[in-house]
Protein backbone atom coordinates (compact mmCIF):
# COMPACT_ATOMS: atom_id res chain seq x y z
CA MET A 1 -10.05 10.93 0.55
CA THR A 2 -9.52 13.72 3.01
CA GLY A 3 -10.39 17.12 1.60
CA ASP A 4 -12.08 15.78 -1.53
CA THR A 5 -15.75 16.14 -2.33
CA LEU A 6 -17.28 13.10 -3.93
CA ASP A 7 -20.17 14.62 -5.87
CA GLY A 8 -22.41 11.88 -7.21
CA TYR A 9 -20.63 9.41 -4.94
CA ASN A 10 -21.47 5.87 -6.01
CA GLY A 11 -19.36 3.93 -3.49
CA ALA A 12 -16.18 3.91 -5.58
CA TYR A 13 -13.37 6.34 -6.32
CA ASN A 14 -11.11 6.24 -9.37
CA PHE A 15 -7.36 6.67 -8.88
CA ASP A 16 -5.26 7.32 -11.96
CA TYR A 17 -1.75 5.90 -11.60
CA ARG A 18 1.27 6.14 -13.82
CA LEU A 19 4.02 3.56 -13.32
CA GLU A 20 7.46 4.51 -14.58
CA MET A 21 10.54 2.32 -14.30
CA TYR A 22 14.07 3.70 -14.70
CA ASN A 23 17.53 2.17 -14.88
CA LEU A 24 20.41 3.30 -12.67
CA ASN A 25 21.21 6.12 -15.13
CA ASP A 26 17.65 7.42 -14.72
CA ASP A 27 16.78 6.45 -18.31
CA PRO A 28 13.12 5.43 -18.76
CA LEU A 29 12.62 1.69 -19.28
CA PHE A 30 8.86 1.26 -18.95
CA THR A 31 5.76 3.45 -18.58
CA LYS A 32 2.20 2.31 -17.96
CA ALA A 33 -0.85 4.35 -17.01
CA THR A 34 -3.88 2.74 -15.40
CA THR A 35 -6.98 3.57 -13.41
CA LEU A 36 -7.63 1.75 -10.16
CA VAL A 37 -11.21 1.76 -8.88
CA LEU A 38 -11.41 1.47 -5.09
CA LYS A 39 -14.44 1.28 -2.88
CA VAL A 40 -14.48 4.13 -0.40
CA ARG A 41 -15.04 2.72 3.06
CA ASP A 42 -14.09 5.65 5.27
CA ALA A 43 -13.54 8.91 3.46
CA TYR A 44 -12.09 10.55 6.59
CA GLN A 45 -9.31 8.08 7.49
CA PRO A 46 -6.13 9.17 5.71
CA ASN A 47 -4.11 6.02 6.54
CA ASP A 48 -5.54 2.67 5.52
CA ILE A 49 -4.95 -0.68 3.88
CA THR A 50 -7.14 -2.37 1.30
CA ALA A 51 -7.01 -5.82 -0.27
CA ASP A 52 -8.17 -6.83 -3.73
CA PRO A 53 -10.00 -9.08 -4.26
CA VAL A 54 -12.15 -8.54 -1.18
CA GLY A 55 -13.56 -12.04 -1.61
CA TYR A 56 -17.01 -13.25 -2.49
CA GLU A 57 -20.12 -13.67 -0.40
CA GLU A 58 -20.38 -12.26 3.13
CA PRO A 59 -17.44 -14.15 4.69
CA HIS A 60 -15.25 -12.80 1.81
CA TYR A 61 -13.91 -16.15 0.59
CA ILE A 62 -10.68 -16.21 -1.40
CA ALA A 63 -9.57 -19.39 -3.13
CA ALA A 64 -6.29 -21.20 -2.50
CA GLY A 65 -3.63 -19.96 -4.92
CA ASP A 66 -5.35 -16.60 -5.55
CA GLU A 67 -3.24 -13.46 -5.63
CA ILE A 68 -4.11 -10.63 -3.24
CA VAL A 69 -3.02 -7.06 -4.00
CA TYR A 70 -2.58 -4.89 -0.91
CA THR A 71 -2.58 -1.10 -1.11
CA ILE A 72 -1.40 0.93 1.90
CA ARG A 73 -2.29 4.62 1.74
CA PHE A 74 -0.81 7.24 4.03
CA GLU A 75 -1.12 10.97 4.63
CA ASN A 76 0.99 13.41 6.59
CA THR A 77 -1.40 15.01 9.09
CA SER A 78 1.31 16.62 11.24
CA ASP A 79 2.29 20.28 11.40
CA PHE A 80 5.67 19.58 9.76
CA ASP A 81 6.74 18.30 6.35
CA ALA A 82 7.76 14.63 6.39
CA ARG A 83 11.10 13.91 4.71
CA ARG A 84 10.94 10.16 5.28
CA VAL A 85 8.17 7.57 5.64
CA VAL A 86 8.57 3.81 6.21
CA VAL A 87 5.60 1.57 5.39
CA SER A 88 5.77 -2.02 6.68
CA ASP A 89 3.25 -4.80 6.27
CA THR A 90 3.28 -8.00 8.31
CA VAL A 91 2.26 -10.89 6.08
CA ASP A 92 0.64 -14.04 7.52
CA THR A 93 2.79 -16.83 6.05
CA TYR A 94 0.53 -19.53 7.48
CA ALA A 95 -1.93 -18.47 4.78
CA LEU A 96 0.20 -16.59 2.24
CA ASP A 97 3.16 -17.82 0.17
CA PHE A 98 6.33 -15.96 1.24
CA ASN A 99 8.00 -16.77 -2.10
CA THR A 100 5.35 -14.85 -4.07
CA ILE A 101 5.56 -11.50 -2.23
CA ARG A 102 6.45 -8.77 -4.71
CA PRO A 103 6.32 -4.97 -4.70
CA LEU A 104 4.02 -3.55 -7.40
CA ALA A 105 4.00 0.23 -7.25
CA ASN A 106 4.40 3.26 -5.03
CA SER A 107 3.47 6.90 -5.15
CA HIS A 108 6.92 8.50 -5.15
CA ARG A 109 10.10 7.79 -7.10
CA SER A 110 12.01 8.72 -3.96
CA ILE A 111 11.60 5.20 -2.64
CA THR A 112 15.08 3.86 -2.01
CA ASN A 113 14.39 0.39 -0.77
CA ALA A 114 11.77 -2.35 -0.73
CA VAL A 115 12.79 -5.19 1.60
CA ILE A 116 11.08 -8.55 2.07
CA GLU A 117 12.15 -10.65 5.04
CA LYS A 118 10.87 -13.69 6.87
CA ILE A 119 10.80 -12.98 10.62
CA SER A 120 9.27 -16.27 11.84
CA ASN A 121 7.49 -19.37 10.55
CA SER A 122 4.20 -17.48 10.69
CA GLN A 123 5.15 -13.95 9.63
CA SER A 124 7.07 -12.07 6.98
CA VAL A 125 7.45 -8.32 6.51
CA ILE A 126 7.60 -6.21 3.37
CA SER A 127 8.87 -2.68 3.99
CA PHE A 128 8.97 0.36 1.73
CA ASP A 129 11.40 3.10 2.78
CA PHE A 130 10.49 6.48 1.26
CA LYS A 131 13.61 8.62 1.82
CA GLY A 132 13.33 12.17 0.54
CA ILE A 133 9.56 11.88 0.07
CA ASN A 134 8.94 15.42 1.40
CA LEU A 135 5.24 15.09 2.17
CA SER A 136 3.66 18.48 2.84
CA SER A 137 2.31 19.30 6.30
CA SER A 138 -1.38 19.30 7.17
CA ASP A 139 -1.68 23.07 6.82
CA THR A 140 -0.97 23.00 3.08
CA VAL A 141 -3.76 23.44 0.53
CA ASP A 142 -2.22 20.78 -1.75
CA SER A 143 -3.93 17.67 -0.32
CA TYR A 144 -2.23 15.33 -2.83
CA GLY A 145 1.21 16.67 -1.85
CA LYS A 146 0.82 15.16 1.61
CA MET A 147 -0.33 11.68 0.50
CA GLY A 148 1.33 8.51 -0.72
CA TYR A 149 0.82 4.77 -1.19
CA ALA A 150 2.65 1.46 -1.55
CA MET A 151 1.28 -1.64 -3.31
CA PHE A 152 2.38 -5.25 -3.24
CA ALA A 153 1.01 -8.64 -4.23
CA VAL A 154 1.16 -12.06 -2.59
CA LYS A 155 -0.53 -15.37 -3.39
CA THR A 156 -2.43 -17.49 -0.93
CA LEU A 157 -0.94 -20.92 -0.29
CA ASP A 158 -2.09 -23.63 -2.69
CA THR A 159 -2.86 -25.71 0.42
CA LEU A 160 -4.97 -22.99 2.09
CA ALA A 161 -7.80 -24.67 3.99
CA ALA A 162 -11.37 -23.43 3.61
CA GLY A 163 -12.33 -21.02 6.38
CA THR A 164 -8.75 -19.87 7.08
CA ILE A 165 -8.62 -16.27 8.31
CA ILE A 166 -5.82 -14.24 6.72
CA TYR A 167 -4.29 -11.76 9.16
CA ASN A 168 -2.63 -8.56 7.96
CA LYS A 169 -1.21 -5.54 9.75
CA ALA A 170 0.40 -2.44 8.26
CA THR A 171 2.54 0.11 10.07
CA ILE A 172 3.24 3.61 8.79
CA MET A 173 6.08 5.51 10.48
CA PHE A 174 6.79 9.14 9.73
CA GLU A 175 10.26 10.56 10.33
CA ASP A 176 9.56 11.73 13.91
CA SER A 177 8.97 8.11 14.98
CA LEU A 178 12.05 6.94 13.03
CA GLY A 179 14.51 8.89 15.17
CA ASN A 180 15.52 11.37 12.43
């Protein structure tokens, strides 16, 4: 992660997450804390997407019917605080089951909307709209105050043929590119 020193780096980084769910009256319904261990692939890229499982053997095989968890991380590297961020992921519905797409977690309670829509026979989009996220600018010393993430899960089709390549593309738009 940008700005962090990984002393004794062993190829993985532990992220401690706390998931809290609230009803419309802001009363707590559910709390769960967990640690996610991610392999660090590029410690200098603040915006990335990872998939778990990464698959087995060199071609990274994933079996038909397996669930894939995608994590999209983002960081505000501009000179201004970001009040809104929209994270969208284009899902390959030739290989992944549209009916199993589900949001899992996100870094800020300020998320107002998670939308899943089918845009063609081959693609669907899941979008997370972080309104009021207030990510700090790049000149702040609080590196975690300028970062966020969104996670979702989707299953591969039960009829997925061996050797199928699963395509995925994430887009991260900060408020300047949203016309705010």
